[in-house]
Amino acid sequence: MQAIDIKQLIEQHLPGSQAMVHGDDGVHFEAVVVSEDFAGKSLIQQHRLVYAALGGRMEREEIHALSLKTYTLDAWRQRRS
């Protein structure tokens, strides 16, 4: 599994989202995901949406670890200001 594969899975599952994924060893990754689908959802619900995009890849250990940060578009803009 490569970072670009994870990015594509997330962005396909959450249309309109933007995912920035990094990882050097093929099993440990860091992702920042910006999506309006996160609006009104708890952090756990947001993360579940991302995990759903990855299917069973976490359980099958294709992805051993994923450090995840999720933002709505407004929260992302505020963070960057």
C-alpha atoms as a PDB file:
ATOM      1  CA  MET A   1       0.000   0.000   0.000  1.00  0.00           C
ATOM      2  CA  GLN A   2       1.297   3.412  -0.951  1.00  0.00           C
ATOM      3  CA  ALA A   3       0.295   6.857   0.312  1.00  0.00           C
ATOM      4  CA  ILE A   4      -1.197   7.728  -3.090  1.00  0.00           C
ATOM      5  CA  ASP A   5      -3.443   4.639  -2.915  1.00  0.00           C
ATOM      6  CA  ILE A   6      -4.811   5.717   0.467  1.00  0.00           C
ATOM      7  CA  LYS A   7      -5.342   9.264  -0.792  1.00  0.00           C
ATOM      8  CA  GLN A   8      -7.311   7.988  -3.778  1.00  0.00           C
ATOM      9  CA  LEU A   9      -9.460   5.640  -1.669  1.00  0.00           C
ATOM     10  CA  ILE A  10     -10.378   8.428   0.747  1.00  0.00           C
ATOM     11  CA  GLU A  11     -11.120  10.987  -1.959  1.00  0.00           C
ATOM     12  CA  GLN A  12     -13.231   8.498  -3.938  1.00  0.00           C
ATOM     13  CA  HIS A  13     -15.256   7.494  -0.880  1.00  0.00           C
ATOM     14  CA  LEU A  14     -15.706  11.080   0.321  1.00  0.00           C
ATOM     15  CA  PRO A  15     -16.385  13.087  -2.855  1.00  0.00           C
ATOM     16  CA  GLY A  16     -15.178  16.664  -2.622  1.00  0.00           C
ATOM     17  CA  SER A  17     -12.696  15.811   0.110  1.00  0.00           C
ATOM     18  CA  GLN A  18      -9.003  16.522   0.047  1.00  0.00           C
ATOM     19  CA  ALA A  19      -6.607  14.017   1.594  1.00  0.00           C
ATOM     20  CA  MET A  20      -2.929  14.592   2.253  1.00  0.00           C
ATOM     21  CA  VAL A  21      -1.242  11.290   3.063  1.00  0.00           C
ATOM     22  CA  HIS A  22       2.390  10.627   3.939  1.00  0.00           C
ATOM     23  CA  GLY A  23       4.238   7.443   4.764  1.00  0.00           C
ATOM     24  CA  ASP A  24       7.659   6.052   3.917  1.00  0.00           C
ATOM     25  CA  ASP A  25       7.544   2.392   4.850  1.00  0.00           C
ATOM     26  CA  GLY A  26       4.331   1.184   3.200  1.00  0.00           C
ATOM     27  CA  VAL A  27       2.514   0.329   6.455  1.00  0.00           C
ATOM     28  CA  HIS A  28       2.683   3.435   8.703  1.00  0.00           C
ATOM     29  CA  PHE A  29       0.901   6.535   7.423  1.00  0.00           C
ATOM     30  CA  GLU A  30      -0.177  10.028   8.458  1.00  0.00           C
ATOM     31  CA  ALA A  31      -3.258  11.568   6.870  1.00  0.00           C
ATOM     32  CA  VAL A  32      -4.988  14.922   7.020  1.00  0.00           C
ATOM     33  CA  VAL A  33      -8.468  14.838   5.514  1.00  0.00           C
ATOM     34  CA  VAL A  34     -10.607  17.899   4.817  1.00  0.00           C
ATOM     35  CA  SER A  35     -14.258  17.189   4.020  1.00  0.00           C
ATOM     36  CA  GLU A  36     -17.617  18.861   4.399  1.00  0.00           C
ATOM     37  CA  ASP A  37     -18.977  15.377   5.196  1.00  0.00           C
ATOM     38  CA  PHE A  38     -17.454  15.869   8.668  1.00  0.00           C
ATOM     39  CA  ALA A  39     -19.719  18.821   9.511  1.00  0.00           C
ATOM     40  CA  GLY A  40     -21.817  18.142  12.596  1.00  0.00           C
ATOM     41  CA  LYS A  41     -20.087  14.835  13.306  1.00  0.00           C
ATOM     42  CA  SER A  42     -18.004  13.883  16.325  1.00  0.00           C
ATOM     43  CA  LEU A  43     -14.304  13.153  15.890  1.00  0.00           C
ATOM     44  CA  ILE A  44     -15.026   9.425  16.198  1.00  0.00           C
ATOM     45  CA  GLN A  45     -17.699   9.634  13.486  1.00  0.00           C
ATOM     46  CA  GLN A  46     -15.310  11.534  11.232  1.00  0.00           C
ATOM     47  CA  HIS A  47     -12.602   8.924  11.671  1.00  0.00           C
ATOM     48  CA  ARG A  48     -15.091   6.120  11.017  1.00  0.00           C
ATOM     49  CA  LEU A  49     -15.931   7.731   7.664  1.00  0.00           C
ATOM     50  CA  VAL A  50     -12.255   7.637   6.722  1.00  0.00           C
ATOM     51  CA  TYR A  51     -11.817   4.061   7.934  1.00  0.00           C
ATOM     52  CA  ALA A  52     -14.878   3.047   5.894  1.00  0.00           C
ATOM     53  CA  ALA A  53     -13.130   4.460   2.827  1.00  0.00           C
ATOM     54  CA  LEU A  54     -10.205   2.152   3.493  1.00  0.00           C
ATOM     55  CA  GLY A  55     -12.425  -0.925   3.657  1.00  0.00           C
ATOM     56  CA  GLY A  56     -10.806  -3.818   5.503  1.00  0.00           C
ATOM     57  CA  ARG A  57      -7.256  -2.758   4.760  1.00  0.00           C
ATOM     58  CA  MET A  58      -6.599  -1.870   8.411  1.00  0.00           C
ATOM     59  CA  GLU A  59      -7.883  -5.254   9.628  1.00  0.00           C
ATOM     60  CA  ARG A  60      -5.858  -7.093   6.983  1.00  0.00           C
ATOM     61  CA  GLU A  61      -2.839  -5.043   8.082  1.00  0.00           C
ATOM     62  CA  GLU A  62      -2.214  -3.652   4.614  1.00  0.00           C
ATOM     63  CA  ILE A  63      -2.144  -0.448   6.647  1.00  0.00           C
ATOM     64  CA  HIS A  64      -0.604  -1.145  10.039  1.00  0.00           C
ATOM     65  CA  ALA A  65      -0.963   2.353  11.487  1.00  0.00           C
ATOM     66  CA  LEU A  66      -2.748   5.515  10.410  1.00  0.00           C
ATOM     67  CA  SER A  67      -2.345   8.787  12.272  1.00  0.00           C
ATOM     68  CA  LEU A  68      -5.434  10.731  11.278  1.00  0.00           C
ATOM     69  CA  LYS A  69      -6.487  14.374  11.528  1.00  0.00           C
ATOM     70  CA  THR A  70      -9.862  15.403  10.141  1.00  0.00           C
ATOM     71  CA  TYR A  71     -11.245  18.872   9.452  1.00  0.00           C
ATOM     72  CA  THR A  72     -14.270  20.492   7.899  1.00  0.00           C
ATOM     73  CA  LEU A  73     -13.376  23.081   5.271  1.00  0.00           C
ATOM     74  CA  ASP A  74     -14.134  25.924   7.713  1.00  0.00           C
ATOM     75  CA  ALA A  75     -11.994  24.364  10.455  1.00  0.00           C
ATOM     76  CA  TRP A  76      -9.154  23.856   7.970  1.00  0.00           C
ATOM     77  CA  ARG A  77      -9.326  27.479   6.830  1.00  0.00           C
ATOM     78  CA  GLN A  78      -9.312  28.710  10.455  1.00  0.00           C
ATOM     79  CA  ARG A  79      -6.348  26.505  11.258  1.00  0.00           C
ATOM     80  CA  ARG A  80      -4.375  27.948   8.360  1.00  0.00           C
ATOM     81  CA  SER A  81      -5.170  31.598   9.202  1.00  0.00           C
END
